[in-house]
Amino acid sequence: MRRRAPPEGIEDTTCGRSLLAAASSITLTRSRRTSDNRGTENTRTPTPPHTGHPTDADAEKNRQRDAWITVQRGHAVANGLPLLACNRTGFEASPDGGRGIEFWGSSFVAGPQGEFLAIASTDTRELLVADVDLARSENVRRIWPFLRDRRIDAYDDLLRRFRD
């Protein structure tokens, strides 16, 4: 069967039809739900916008990392799709001589119910490979119909900067 060309922001890959979420939409469900309605089979997220600063306490860095992972896994569950979350490792100096930024690694692949299929380390550059069963998403969506039962009539306010 031949598919139509993917809509803007979505591409056909060897891993299925995929949305590459922009940094500004990493934590926003609406862009993912919109793309799911356009036939995506997985979502890829780039480096999180808020990684640890070298001066942050280890406990704070861990809380930030855990929050990012939780949000991404939640997107997988809410949309019933596998999610590929990518992050770098190591320290990157600021070009203007500022304090720079530390990347916490922890790239991972989550299944459509948020389960971990593969997890990378926090401090080593590595290639992460996982088997993803794209057909499983349809079964998960039947069992957990979050996408089907959404209240699209309540989405109008998402288009407004301020609610009246």
Protein backbone atom coordinates (compact mmCIF):
# COMPACT_ATOMS: atom_id res chain seq x y z
CA MET A 1 0.00 0.00 0.00
CA ARG A 2 1.35 3.44 -0.93
CA ARG A 3 0.92 6.22 1.60
CA ARG A 4 0.54 9.90 0.85
CA ALA A 5 3.46 12.18 1.62
CA PRO A 6 3.59 13.03 5.32
CA PRO A 7 2.25 16.40 6.54
CA GLU A 8 4.68 19.16 7.46
CA GLY A 9 6.75 18.32 10.55
CA ILE A 10 6.24 14.60 10.06
CA GLU A 11 8.50 12.35 8.05
CA ASP A 12 8.53 8.77 6.89
CA THR A 13 11.53 6.98 8.42
CA THR A 14 12.74 3.41 8.70
CA CYS A 15 11.07 3.50 12.14
CA GLY A 16 7.66 4.46 10.73
CA ARG A 17 5.95 7.82 10.25
CA SER A 18 7.57 10.06 12.83
CA LEU A 19 7.08 13.50 14.40
CA LEU A 20 10.25 15.32 15.40
CA ALA A 21 8.99 17.49 18.24
CA ALA A 22 10.45 20.99 18.31
CA ALA A 23 12.20 22.04 21.51
CA SER A 24 9.32 24.39 22.29
CA SER A 25 6.81 21.52 22.13
CA ILE A 26 8.70 18.96 24.20
CA THR A 27 6.38 19.41 27.15
CA LEU A 28 3.25 20.35 25.22
CA THR A 29 0.74 17.62 24.50
CA ARG A 30 -1.23 19.51 21.85
CA SER A 31 1.44 19.29 19.13
CA ARG A 32 1.74 15.57 19.69
CA ARG A 33 -2.00 14.97 19.70
CA THR A 34 -2.35 16.97 16.48
CA SER A 35 0.39 14.92 14.84
CA ASP A 36 -1.15 11.66 16.04
CA ASN A 37 -4.29 12.60 14.16
CA ARG A 38 -2.12 12.88 11.03
CA GLY A 39 -0.88 9.29 11.15
CA THR A 40 2.34 9.38 13.15
CA GLU A 41 3.57 6.07 14.50
CA ASN A 42 6.17 7.43 16.92
CA THR A 43 7.51 10.69 18.32
CA ARG A 44 11.14 11.79 18.55
CA THR A 45 12.15 14.47 21.03
CA PRO A 46 15.46 16.34 20.97
CA THR A 47 17.64 17.40 23.87
CA PRO A 48 15.44 18.83 26.64
CA PRO A 49 15.38 22.62 26.89
CA HIS A 50 16.34 22.63 30.57
CA THR A 51 19.39 20.61 31.46
CA GLY A 52 21.47 20.98 34.56
CA HIS A 53 23.89 23.80 35.18
CA PRO A 54 27.26 22.88 36.69
CA THR A 55 26.42 24.84 39.83
CA ASP A 56 23.19 22.94 40.49
CA ALA A 57 23.24 20.45 43.34
CA ASP A 58 23.19 16.78 42.30
CA ALA A 59 19.75 16.35 43.88
CA GLU A 60 18.40 19.21 41.73
CA LYS A 61 19.95 17.77 38.56
CA ASN A 62 18.34 14.41 39.33
CA ARG A 63 14.93 16.01 39.91
CA GLN A 64 15.16 17.88 36.59
CA ARG A 65 16.19 14.73 34.72
CA ASP A 66 13.46 12.64 36.36
CA ALA A 67 10.83 15.30 35.54
CA TRP A 68 11.90 15.35 31.88
CA ILE A 69 11.72 11.54 31.69
CA THR A 70 8.31 11.48 33.39
CA VAL A 71 6.84 14.05 31.00
CA GLN A 72 8.13 12.19 27.95
CA ARG A 73 6.81 8.84 29.18
CA GLY A 74 3.47 10.55 29.84
CA HIS A 75 3.34 11.65 26.20
CA ALA A 76 3.85 8.05 25.11
CA VAL A 77 0.98 6.91 27.34
CA ALA A 78 -1.40 9.77 26.46
CA ASN A 79 -0.93 9.22 22.74
CA GLY A 80 -0.47 5.45 22.74
CA LEU A 81 2.71 5.76 20.67
CA PRO A 82 6.35 4.80 21.13
CA LEU A 83 8.58 7.73 22.00
CA LEU A 84 12.28 8.19 21.26
CA ALA A 85 13.83 10.74 23.64
CA CYS A 86 17.35 11.92 22.80
CA ASN A 87 19.78 13.82 24.98
CA ARG A 88 23.49 14.53 24.87
CA THR A 89 26.04 13.90 27.60
CA GLY A 90 28.85 15.96 29.01
CA PHE A 91 29.59 19.65 29.50
CA GLU A 92 29.28 22.31 26.82
CA ALA A 93 30.98 25.64 27.47
CA SER A 94 29.04 28.80 26.77
CA PRO A 95 30.26 30.62 23.63
CA ASP A 96 30.13 33.92 25.52
CA GLY A 97 32.21 32.63 28.42
CA GLY A 98 29.20 32.11 30.71
CA ARG A 99 28.72 29.14 32.98
CA GLY A 100 27.88 26.63 30.23
CA ILE A 101 25.53 23.72 30.45
CA GLU A 102 25.77 20.10 31.54
CA PHE A 103 23.79 17.47 29.62
CA TRP A 104 22.47 14.57 31.65
CA GLY A 105 22.21 11.88 28.98
CA SER A 106 19.49 9.36 29.77
CA SER A 107 18.23 9.05 26.20
CA PHE A 108 15.54 6.38 26.07
CA VAL A 109 12.91 4.62 24.03
CA ALA A 110 9.47 4.17 25.60
CA GLY A 111 6.68 1.94 24.37
CA PRO A 112 3.07 3.11 23.92
CA GLN A 113 2.32 2.55 27.61
CA GLY A 114 5.39 4.48 28.74
CA GLU A 115 7.42 1.35 29.49
CA PHE A 116 11.16 1.59 28.94
CA LEU A 117 12.35 -0.38 25.91
CA ALA A 118 15.92 0.92 26.12
CA ILE A 119 17.78 3.42 28.31
CA ALA A 120 21.15 5.05 27.71
CA SER A 121 23.62 5.99 30.42
CA THR A 122 23.85 9.42 32.02
CA ASP A 123 27.50 10.05 31.26
CA THR A 124 28.64 8.06 28.22
CA ARG A 125 28.05 8.82 24.55
CA GLU A 126 26.40 5.76 23.01
CA LEU A 127 24.15 4.51 20.25
CA LEU A 128 20.82 3.34 21.63
CA VAL A 129 19.01 0.59 19.73
CA ALA A 130 15.59 -0.86 20.55
CA ASP A 131 13.02 -3.11 18.91
CA VAL A 132 9.73 -1.23 18.56
CA ASP A 133 6.54 -3.06 17.61
CA LEU A 134 4.59 -0.41 15.69
CA ALA A 135 1.50 -2.63 15.42
CA ARG A 136 1.25 -2.76 19.22
CA SER A 137 0.24 0.93 19.35
CA GLU A 138 -3.12 0.17 17.74
CA ASN A 139 -3.85 -2.50 20.37
CA VAL A 140 -2.81 -0.18 23.18
CA ARG A 141 -5.07 2.56 21.82
CA ARG A 142 -8.01 0.12 21.94
CA ILE A 143 -7.23 -0.88 25.52
CA TRP A 144 -6.48 2.66 26.76
CA PRO A 145 -8.56 5.02 24.59
CA PHE A 146 -7.05 8.32 25.79
CA LEU A 147 -6.88 9.71 22.27
CA ARG A 148 -10.39 8.57 21.33
CA ASP A 149 -11.98 9.94 24.52
CA ARG A 150 -10.27 13.33 24.51
CA ARG A 151 -12.48 16.42 24.88
CA ILE A 152 -11.60 18.35 21.74
CA ASP A 153 -14.38 20.82 22.53
CA ALA A 154 -12.24 21.97 25.47
CA TYR A 155 -9.18 22.72 23.29
CA ASP A 156 -10.28 26.17 22.04
CA ASP A 157 -8.58 27.96 24.95
CA LEU A 158 -5.23 26.47 23.91
CA LEU A 159 -5.22 28.88 20.97
CA ARG A 160 -5.49 31.91 23.25
CA ARG A 161 -2.64 33.54 25.12
CA PHE A 162 -5.03 34.60 27.92
CA ARG A 163 -8.38 33.16 28.85
CA ASP A 164 -11.25 35.61 29.34
